[in-house]
Amino acid sequence: MEETAKTIAIVGAGIVGVSTAIHLQRDGHNVVLIDKSGPAEGTSFGNGGVLASAAIVPVTGPGLMRKAPRMLLDPKEPLFLRWGYVPKLMPWLLKYLSHANAKDTRRIASAVHGIVGDSLTEHLALAEGTQARRYIHPSDYLFVYNNRAKFEKEAFDWELRRAHGLEWDELNAEAFRKYDSIYALEFGFATRLRDHGRISDPGEYVKHLAQHVVQQGGRFIKAAVSDVARENGKVTGVIAGGEVIPCDAVVFATGVWSGPLMKKLGLKIPIEAERGYHLELWEPSAMPKSPVMVAAAKCVVTPMDGRIRIAGIVEFGGLDAPPSKAPVELLRHSARRVFPNLTWKHEQEWMGSRPAPTDSIPVIGEVPHMKGVYTGFGHQHIGLTGGPKTGRLLAQMISGRTPNMDMSVYAPSRYS
């Protein structure tokens, strides 16, 4: 390990950025956290709130090519497309769909598991000694189906999970009802995975982590970063708000906004905005026991502080279009379907953009041909789950330590 303390600029104050900052501080470095909006103002605010170590199977599983056209034409399916955006989307989409096969799905699942497999442990270690710890709740994570036959149709996904050490209990209708009676009677089968967790307020959780960074001597700057300052192939600073902020290294944890910044560094990374939505049911008459993936509705239900969050939906339409009405209405329909006897005081809607690389694998590591520039983005659906480990791995690399796992699968050099 290098013993000299460095000054590290971290661009992006979501879960990946603040995790990296905390781990770097613990290694003795000085950190400058920079964000154009503030901590947890993007997907780190609006995610499903589950520490979903079981979420290793990408959207591009086998059979997607066959199912996608039907899903796009059915308003009750959680896949939406703004048709005017198709010409711009098409180059990315063709590469994305090329991975919808069994071989690539196994490869992607293995890579994702390396980042999310020990999520609860990583979050507890990250938040130790901070005010953010109170938002972490160890819990089960359930996948709920109409019946066993529906579960068996996903045998490929579950065998992938088993291959990576995940274990589960199977609950029939009676056992599931005994576990949690809040759900509709149509759901007659569930799998229960233990040793997962949930964050009861993701936005506040990340904000408290960012406050801890400042309390430990870090700086926070609210500004947009436009480029890096460099000399002889090495970063010397970042350009934020028209000013150069000197640093020895920089980490870009800027989600879907990373693409244009990487182009300035000579790296063309095919990344798209996968627009996700959530609907919150405030002051509900009852609360679910644990977070649940409702397989029939393809949405995640998570108990949070004072409300239930229902999250999901995949929509492709770019970064600039306003939220669509249909995805929110589908979530509203799912809420009534899943909780037929539930009442609540009011609702809150949200839309954000998940960073989706064509191969569904996060981009983590040092940028080729530019010493001192690191990336930590592209986590798609597993940003909250994998943020702390991503930050720890980046801190190890910046501090001159070799991570005890193969990092080549995540390396930005795969796009050079």
Protein backbone atom coordinates (compact mmCIF):
# COMPACT_ATOMS: atom_id res chain seq x y z
CA MET A 1 0.00 0.00 0.00
CA GLU A 2 1.14 3.51 -0.82
CA GLU A 3 1.69 5.37 2.46
CA THR A 4 1.50 8.92 1.06
CA ALA A 5 -1.90 10.52 1.50
CA LYS A 6 -3.46 11.65 -1.76
CA THR A 7 -6.16 14.15 -2.61
CA ILE A 8 -8.93 12.35 -4.47
CA ALA A 9 -11.78 14.08 -6.29
CA ILE A 10 -14.95 12.00 -6.45
CA VAL A 11 -17.48 13.15 -9.02
CA GLY A 12 -20.98 12.01 -8.11
CA ALA A 13 -22.48 11.91 -4.62
CA GLY A 14 -24.71 8.86 -4.97
CA ILE A 15 -24.12 5.60 -3.10
CA VAL A 16 -21.05 4.67 -5.18
CA GLY A 17 -19.43 8.08 -4.77
CA VAL A 18 -19.98 8.42 -1.02
CA SER A 19 -18.93 4.80 -0.43
CA THR A 20 -15.69 5.46 -2.30
CA ALA A 21 -15.12 8.65 -0.30
CA ILE A 22 -15.59 6.92 3.06
CA HIS A 23 -13.30 4.02 2.21
CA LEU A 24 -10.64 6.43 0.90
CA GLN A 25 -10.83 8.47 4.10
CA ARG A 26 -10.37 5.31 6.13
CA ASP A 27 -7.22 4.69 4.09
CA GLY A 28 -5.94 8.11 5.13
CA HIS A 29 -6.63 10.10 1.97
CA ASN A 30 -8.15 13.56 1.54
CA VAL A 31 -11.37 13.58 -0.48
CA VAL A 32 -13.33 16.20 -2.40
CA LEU A 33 -16.90 15.12 -3.20
CA ILE A 34 -18.39 16.96 -6.16
CA ASP A 35 -21.97 16.78 -7.43
CA LYS A 36 -24.02 19.06 -9.64
CA SER A 37 -27.19 18.62 -7.55
CA GLY A 38 -26.21 17.34 -4.11
CA PRO A 39 -25.96 13.97 -2.36
CA ALA A 40 -28.58 11.33 -3.28
CA GLU A 41 -30.47 13.42 -5.79
CA GLY A 42 -30.61 10.70 -8.49
CA THR A 43 -31.23 6.96 -8.46
CA SER A 44 -29.65 6.70 -5.01
CA PHE A 45 -32.79 8.49 -3.81
CA GLY A 46 -35.44 6.59 -5.75
CA ASN A 47 -34.23 2.98 -5.91
CA GLY A 48 -36.15 0.00 -4.56
CA GLY A 49 -34.27 0.08 -1.26
CA VAL A 50 -33.39 -3.64 -1.23
CA LEU A 51 -29.91 -5.00 -0.58
CA ALA A 52 -30.67 -7.58 -3.22
CA SER A 53 -27.78 -10.02 -3.32
CA ALA A 54 -30.06 -12.37 -5.26
CA ALA A 55 -30.47 -9.84 -8.09
CA ILE A 56 -27.70 -11.26 -10.25
CA VAL A 57 -29.75 -12.23 -13.33
CA PRO A 58 -29.70 -9.44 -15.95
CA VAL A 59 -32.72 -8.20 -17.87
CA THR A 60 -31.11 -9.69 -20.99
CA GLY A 61 -31.80 -13.27 -20.04
CA PRO A 62 -32.48 -16.05 -22.54
CA GLY A 63 -35.83 -15.55 -24.27
CA LEU A 64 -35.89 -11.75 -24.07
CA MET A 65 -35.78 -11.43 -27.88
CA ARG A 66 -38.92 -13.54 -28.08
CA LYS A 67 -40.77 -11.81 -25.24
CA ALA A 68 -39.84 -8.16 -25.83
CA PRO A 69 -42.20 -7.39 -28.79
CA ARG A 70 -45.20 -8.72 -26.88
CA MET A 71 -44.20 -6.82 -23.74
CA LEU A 72 -43.87 -3.54 -25.64
CA LEU A 73 -47.39 -3.89 -27.05
CA ASP A 74 -49.02 -4.87 -23.74
CA PRO A 75 -49.68 -1.88 -21.42
CA LYS A 76 -49.76 -4.25 -18.44
CA GLU A 77 -46.14 -5.31 -19.00
CA PRO A 78 -43.34 -3.32 -17.27
CA LEU A 79 -41.43 -2.54 -20.49
CA PHE A 80 -41.98 0.81 -22.20
CA LEU A 81 -40.38 2.58 -25.14
CA ARG A 82 -40.69 6.15 -26.37
CA TRP A 83 -40.90 5.39 -30.07
CA GLY A 84 -39.49 8.74 -31.16
CA TYR A 85 -36.27 7.84 -29.36
CA VAL A 86 -35.79 4.56 -31.26
CA PRO A 87 -33.40 5.85 -33.97
CA LYS A 88 -30.98 7.17 -31.35
CA LEU A 89 -31.42 4.10 -29.15
CA MET A 90 -30.95 1.47 -31.89
CA PRO A 91 -27.10 1.13 -31.92
CA TRP A 92 -27.08 0.62 -28.15
CA LEU A 93 -30.14 -1.64 -28.21
CA LEU A 94 -28.67 -4.03 -30.78
CA LYS A 95 -25.55 -4.52 -28.64
CA TYR A 96 -27.69 -4.88 -25.51
CA LEU A 97 -29.92 -7.56 -27.04
CA SER A 98 -26.91 -9.46 -28.37
CA HIS A 99 -26.31 -10.62 -24.77
CA ALA A 100 -29.78 -12.20 -24.42
CA ASN A 101 -28.48 -15.76 -24.42
CA ALA A 102 -27.59 -18.36 -21.81
CA LYS A 103 -23.80 -18.09 -22.14
CA ASP A 104 -23.66 -14.32 -21.72
CA THR A 105 -26.28 -14.39 -18.95
CA ARG A 106 -24.11 -16.79 -16.93
CA ARG A 107 -21.06 -14.58 -17.49
CA ILE A 108 -22.94 -11.41 -16.48
CA ALA A 109 -24.45 -13.07 -13.41
CA SER A 110 -21.00 -14.14 -12.22
CA ALA A 111 -19.68 -10.60 -12.62
CA VAL A 112 -22.65 -9.02 -10.85
CA HIS A 113 -22.45 -11.52 -8.00
CA GLY A 114 -18.88 -10.42 -7.37
CA ILE A 115 -20.18 -6.94 -6.56
CA VAL A 116 -23.47 -7.72 -4.74
CA GLY A 117 -23.00 -11.14 -3.16
CA ASP A 118 -22.16 -9.80 0.31
CA SER A 119 -24.18 -6.59 0.17
CA LEU A 120 -25.57 -6.56 3.71
CA THR A 121 -22.12 -7.10 5.24
CA GLU A 122 -20.64 -4.38 3.03
CA HIS A 123 -23.34 -1.86 3.98
CA LEU A 124 -22.98 -2.59 7.69
CA ALA A 125 -19.21 -2.11 7.45
CA LEU A 126 -19.61 1.10 5.45
CA ALA A 127 -22.13 2.68 7.84
CA GLU A 128 -20.38 1.63 11.06
CA GLY A 129 -19.90 4.68 13.27
CA THR A 130 -22.17 6.91 11.17
CA GLN A 131 -25.70 8.24 11.61
CA ALA A 132 -26.65 6.31 8.47
CA ARG A 133 -26.50 2.96 10.30
CA ARG A 134 -30.05 3.29 11.62
CA TYR A 135 -31.48 2.99 8.11
CA ILE A 136 -30.05 -0.52 7.52
CA HIS A 137 -32.38 -3.39 8.43
CA PRO A 138 -31.34 -7.02 7.94
CA SER A 139 -34.28 -8.89 6.42
CA ASP A 140 -35.50 -11.70 4.23
CA TYR A 141 -36.11 -11.08 0.54
CA LEU A 142 -39.02 -12.90 -1.07
CA PHE A 143 -39.92 -13.68 -4.66
CA VAL A 144 -43.69 -14.13 -4.91
CA TYR A 145 -45.51 -16.04 -7.65
CA ASN A 146 -49.09 -16.97 -8.48
CA ASN A 147 -48.21 -20.65 -8.16
CA ARG A 148 -45.34 -23.13 -8.26
CA ALA A 149 -45.67 -23.57 -12.02
CA LYS A 150 -44.83 -19.86 -12.53
CA PHE A 151 -41.79 -20.28 -10.31
CA GLU A 152 -40.64 -23.33 -12.27
CA LYS A 153 -40.76 -21.33 -15.50
CA GLU A 154 -37.85 -19.32 -14.08
CA ALA A 155 -35.76 -22.43 -13.40
CA PHE A 156 -32.78 -21.05 -15.34
CA ASP A 157 -32.64 -17.94 -13.12
CA TRP A 158 -32.87 -19.95 -9.92
CA GLU A 159 -30.20 -22.42 -11.00
CA LEU A 160 -27.92 -19.45 -11.63
CA ARG A 161 -28.56 -18.24 -8.09
CA ARG A 162 -27.95 -21.70 -6.67
CA ALA A 163 -24.67 -21.91 -8.60
CA HIS A 164 -23.51 -18.76 -6.77
CA GLY A 165 -24.31 -20.09 -3.32
CA LEU A 166 -27.75 -18.59 -2.80
CA GLU A 167 -30.21 -20.73 -0.85
CA TRP A 168 -33.91 -20.32 -0.24
CA ASP A 169 -36.98 -21.77 1.44
CA GLU A 170 -40.07 -22.55 -0.61
CA LEU A 171 -43.41 -21.44 0.83
CA ASN A 172 -46.72 -22.82 -0.38
CA ALA A 173 -49.90 -20.75 -0.18
CA GLU A 174 -50.58 -21.56 3.47
CA ALA A 175 -46.99 -20.98 4.57
CA PHE A 176 -46.77 -17.71 2.67
CA ARG A 177 -50.05 -16.51 4.16
CA LYS A 178 -48.73 -17.37 7.62
CA TYR A 179 -45.51 -15.48 6.89
CA ASP A 180 -47.33 -12.33 5.70
CA SER A 181 -51.09 -12.05 5.17
CA ILE A 182 -51.01 -8.58 3.60
CA TYR A 183 -50.83 -9.89 0.02
CA ALA A 184 -53.63 -10.84 -2.36
CA LEU A 185 -54.86 -14.44 -2.34
CA GLU A 186 -53.80 -14.89 -5.96
CA PHE A 187 -50.20 -15.27 -4.81
CA GLY A 188 -49.85 -18.89 -3.81
CA PHE A 189 -46.11 -19.58 -3.83
CA ALA A 190 -42.98 -17.79 -2.63
CA THR A 191 -39.26 -18.28 -2.22
CA ARG A 192 -37.64 -16.76 0.88
CA LEU A 193 -33.97 -15.81 0.79
CA ARG A 194 -32.39 -15.00 4.12
CA ASP A 195 -29.43 -12.72 4.94
CA HIS A 196 -30.60 -9.87 2.75
CA GLY A 197 -31.49 -6.37 3.88
CA ARG A 198 -33.36 -3.18 3.17
CA ILE A 199 -32.72 0.55 3.54
CA SER A 200 -35.70 2.25 5.13
CA ASP A 201 -34.97 5.62 3.49
CA PRO A 202 -32.36 5.42 0.71
CA GLY A 203 -32.18 9.18 0.17
CA GLU A 204 -31.59 9.99 3.83
CA TYR A 205 -29.19 7.06 4.14
CA VAL A 206 -26.89 8.39 1.41
CA LYS A 207 -27.22 11.98 2.65
CA HIS A 208 -26.07 10.91 6.12
CA LEU A 209 -23.13 9.04 4.60
CA ALA A 210 -22.18 12.20 2.69
CA GLN A 211 -22.47 14.25 5.91
CA HIS A 212 -20.09 11.80 7.54
CA VAL A 213 -17.56 12.41 4.76
CA VAL A 214 -17.66 16.14 5.52
CA GLN A 215 -17.51 15.57 9.29
CA GLN A 216 -14.35 13.54 8.74
CA GLY A 217 -12.67 16.45 6.97
CA GLY A 218 -13.81 15.93 3.39
CA ARG A 219 -14.98 18.80 1.20
CA PHE A 220 -18.26 18.92 -0.69
CA ILE A 221 -18.58 21.12 -3.77
CA LYS A 222 -21.86 21.60 -5.60
CA ALA A 223 -20.83 22.02 -9.21
CA ALA A 224 -20.92 20.30 -12.59
CA VAL A 225 -17.64 18.71 -13.70
CA SER A 226 -16.93 19.25 -17.39
CA ASP A 227 -13.48 17.70 -17.85
CA VAL A 228 -10.20 16.78 -16.19
CA ALA A 229 -6.96 18.75 -16.17
CA ARG A 230 -4.08 16.58 -17.29
CA GLU A 231 -0.35 16.69 -17.85
CA ASN A 232 1.80 14.03 -19.54
CA GLY A 233 -0.99 11.47 -19.51
CA LYS A 234 -1.82 11.95 -15.82
CA VAL A 235 -4.71 13.72 -14.16
CA THR A 236 -3.81 16.86 -12.20
CA GLY A 237 -7.28 18.17 -11.40
CA VAL A 238 -10.93 18.35 -12.36
CA ILE A 239 -12.65 21.28 -14.02
CA ALA A 240 -15.81 22.12 -12.06
CA GLY A 241 -17.83 25.27 -12.48
CA GLY A 242 -15.08 26.72 -14.65
CA GLU A 243 -12.41 26.26 -11.99
CA VAL A 244 -9.65 23.68 -11.70
CA ILE A 245 -9.74 21.68 -8.48
CA PRO A 246 -6.29 20.09 -7.99
CA CYS A 247 -6.21 16.37 -7.21
CA ASP A 248 -3.94 13.34 -7.49
CA ALA A 249 -6.73 11.10 -8.78
CA VAL A 250 -10.38 11.35 -9.74
CA VAL A 251 -13.25 8.87 -9.54
CA PHE A 252 -16.21 9.27 -11.88
CA ALA A 253 -19.30 7.85 -10.16
CA THR A 254 -21.68 9.80 -12.35
CA GLY A 255 -24.13 7.10 -13.45
CA VAL A 256 -25.66 7.50 -16.88
CA TRP A 257 -24.07 10.95 -17.22
CA SER A 258 -20.66 9.28 -17.38
CA GLY A 259 -20.79 8.61 -21.13
CA PRO A 260 -20.03 12.17 -22.35
CA LEU A 261 -17.30 12.61 -19.73
CA MET A 262 -15.62 9.39 -20.82
CA LYS A 263 -15.67 10.50 -24.46
CA LYS A 264 -13.46 13.43 -23.48
CA LEU A 265 -10.98 10.88 -22.18
CA GLY A 266 -11.04 8.91 -25.41
CA LEU A 267 -13.29 6.14 -24.10
CA LYS A 268 -16.58 5.46 -25.87
CA ILE A 269 -18.74 3.51 -23.44
CA PRO A 270 -22.17 2.45 -24.77
CA ILE A 271 -24.44 3.40 -21.89
CA GLU A 272 -28.12 4.30 -21.90
CA ALA A 273 -30.67 5.72 -19.50
CA GLU A 274 -32.95 2.94 -18.32
CA ARG A 275 -35.75 4.99 -16.83
CA GLY A 276 -37.17 3.53 -13.62
CA TYR A 277 -40.20 4.62 -11.59
CA HIS A 278 -41.49 4.27 -8.09
CA LEU A 279 -44.81 4.89 -6.35
CA GLU A 280 -44.96 5.43 -2.60
CA LEU A 281 -48.01 4.66 -0.48
CA TRP A 282 -47.81 6.90 2.58
CA GLU A 283 -49.27 6.02 5.98
CA PRO A 284 -50.58 2.61 4.89
CA SER A 285 -53.05 0.68 7.03
CA ALA A 286 -50.58 -2.23 7.19
CA MET A 287 -46.91 -2.78 6.39
CA PRO A 288 -45.24 -5.74 4.62
CA LYS A 289 -42.92 -7.80 6.78
CA SER A 290 -40.05 -7.90 4.26
CA PRO A 291 -39.13 -6.61 0.81
CA VAL A 292 -40.71 -8.67 -1.96
CA MET A 293 -40.18 -9.09 -5.68
CA VAL A 294 -43.68 -9.69 -7.04
CA ALA A 295 -42.80 -11.81 -10.05
CA ALA A 296 -46.27 -11.63 -11.57
CA ALA A 297 -46.13 -7.82 -11.67
CA LYS A 298 -42.33 -7.45 -12.04
CA CYS A 299 -42.19 -4.88 -9.24
CA VAL A 300 -40.40 -4.66 -5.91
CA VAL A 301 -42.36 -3.86 -2.75
CA THR A 302 -40.29 -2.46 0.14
CA PRO A 303 -41.41 -1.32 3.61
CA MET A 304 -39.86 2.07 4.37
CA ASP A 305 -40.17 4.76 7.02
CA GLY A 306 -43.84 5.74 6.99
CA ARG A 307 -44.58 4.33 3.56
CA ILE A 308 -44.43 1.41 1.17
CA ARG A 309 -42.34 1.91 -1.96
CA ILE A 310 -43.32 0.03 -5.13
CA ALA A 311 -40.54 0.23 -7.70
CA GLY A 312 -39.86 -1.22 -11.09
CA ILE A 313 -40.49 -0.56 -14.78
CA VAL A 314 -38.01 -0.45 -17.63
CA GLU A 315 -38.49 2.48 -20.02
CA PHE A 316 -36.16 3.62 -22.76
CA GLY A 317 -36.59 7.22 -23.81
CA GLY A 318 -33.38 9.11 -23.13
CA LEU A 319 -32.45 11.56 -20.39
CA ASP A 320 -34.42 14.62 -21.45
CA ALA A 321 -38.02 13.43 -21.81
CA PRO A 322 -40.41 14.10 -18.90
CA PRO A 323 -41.88 11.18 -16.93
CA SER A 324 -44.48 9.09 -18.76
CA LYS A 325 -47.94 8.52 -17.33
CA ALA A 326 -48.36 4.87 -18.32
CA PRO A 327 -45.55 3.43 -16.13
CA VAL A 328 -46.90 5.16 -13.03
CA GLU A 329 -50.42 3.96 -13.78
CA LEU A 330 -49.08 0.42 -14.10
CA LEU A 331 -47.43 0.72 -10.67
CA ARG A 332 -50.70 2.07 -9.28
CA HIS A 333 -52.55 -0.89 -10.81
CA SER A 334 -49.97 -3.26 -9.31
CA ALA A 335 -50.41 -1.68 -5.87
CA ARG A 336 -54.16 -2.35 -5.93
CA ARG A 337 -53.59 -5.86 -7.25
CA VAL A 338 -50.92 -6.78 -4.70
CA PHE A 339 -52.64 -5.13 -1.70
CA PRO A 340 -56.41 -5.41 -2.33
CA ASN A 341 -57.33 -4.64 1.30
CA LEU A 342 -54.78 -1.91 1.97
CA THR A 343 -55.59 1.77 2.40
CA TRP A 344 -53.18 4.72 2.47
CA LYS A 345 -53.31 8.49 2.98
CA HIS A 346 -51.51 9.78 -0.11
CA GLU A 347 -49.11 8.82 -2.90
CA GLN A 348 -45.81 10.11 -4.21
CA GLU A 349 -44.35 9.42 -7.67
CA TRP A 350 -40.74 9.45 -8.88
CA MET A 351 -38.76 8.75 -12.05
CA GLY A 352 -35.00 8.36 -12.41
CA SER A 353 -32.43 7.05 -14.87
CA ARG A 354 -30.49 3.87 -14.20
CA PRO A 355 -27.10 3.67 -15.96
CA ALA A 356 -27.28 0.69 -18.33
CA PRO A 357 -24.16 -0.43 -20.23
CA THR A 358 -24.79 -2.81 -23.10
CA ASP A 359 -23.30 -5.77 -21.24
CA SER A 360 -25.08 -5.05 -17.88
CA ILE A 361 -21.73 -5.15 -16.02
CA PRO A 362 -20.53 -2.15 -13.97
CA VAL A 363 -17.52 -0.19 -15.23
CA ILE A 364 -15.00 -0.17 -12.37
CA GLY A 365 -11.29 0.57 -12.58
CA GLU A 366 -8.61 2.87 -13.95
CA VAL A 367 -9.13 4.41 -17.38
CA PRO A 368 -6.50 3.24 -19.90
CA HIS A 369 -4.01 5.85 -21.15
CA MET A 370 -4.95 8.33 -18.39
CA LYS A 371 -3.24 7.62 -15.09
CA GLY A 372 -5.24 8.55 -12.02
CA VAL A 373 -8.73 8.51 -13.60
CA TYR A 374 -11.05 5.84 -12.22
CA THR A 375 -14.63 4.82 -12.98
CA GLY A 376 -17.43 3.51 -10.79
CA PHE A 377 -20.69 3.51 -12.74
CA GLY A 378 -22.99 1.38 -14.88
CA HIS A 379 -24.65 -0.61 -12.09
CA GLN A 380 -28.07 -0.63 -13.76
CA HIS A 381 -30.49 -2.22 -11.21
CA ILE A 382 -27.95 -2.99 -8.48
CA GLY A 383 -26.40 0.40 -7.63
CA LEU A 384 -27.56 0.54 -4.01
CA THR A 385 -26.82 -3.15 -3.52
CA GLY A 386 -23.30 -2.98 -4.97
CA GLY A 387 -22.30 0.59 -4.09
CA PRO A 388 -20.32 -0.09 -0.88
CA LYS A 389 -18.23 -2.91 -2.37
CA THR A 390 -17.57 -0.86 -5.50
CA GLY A 391 -16.31 1.96 -3.29
CA ARG A 392 -14.11 -0.38 -1.28
CA LEU A 393 -12.58 -1.89 -4.42
CA LEU A 394 -11.86 1.55 -5.88
CA ALA A 395 -10.25 2.69 -2.63
CA GLN A 396 -8.02 -0.38 -2.65
CA MET A 397 -6.87 0.28 -6.21
CA ILE A 398 -6.23 3.98 -5.58
CA SER A 399 -4.32 3.14 -2.38
CA GLY A 400 -2.06 0.76 -4.28
CA ARG A 401 -3.56 -2.49 -2.94
CA THR A 402 -4.61 -5.36 -5.17
CA PRO A 403 -8.24 -6.45 -4.67
CA ASN A 404 -8.64 -10.15 -3.89
CA MET A 405 -10.85 -10.70 -6.94
CA ASP A 406 -10.43 -10.50 -10.70
CA MET A 407 -11.23 -6.92 -11.69
CA SER A 408 -10.65 -7.37 -15.42
CA VAL A 409 -14.32 -8.16 -16.11
CA TYR A 410 -15.28 -4.67 -14.82
CA ALA A 411 -12.35 -2.75 -16.30
CA PRO A 412 -13.09 0.28 -18.48
CA SER A 413 -10.34 -0.94 -20.79
CA ARG A 414 -12.85 -3.41 -22.27
CA TYR A 415 -14.23 -0.42 -24.19
CA SER A 416 -10.91 0.98 -25.37
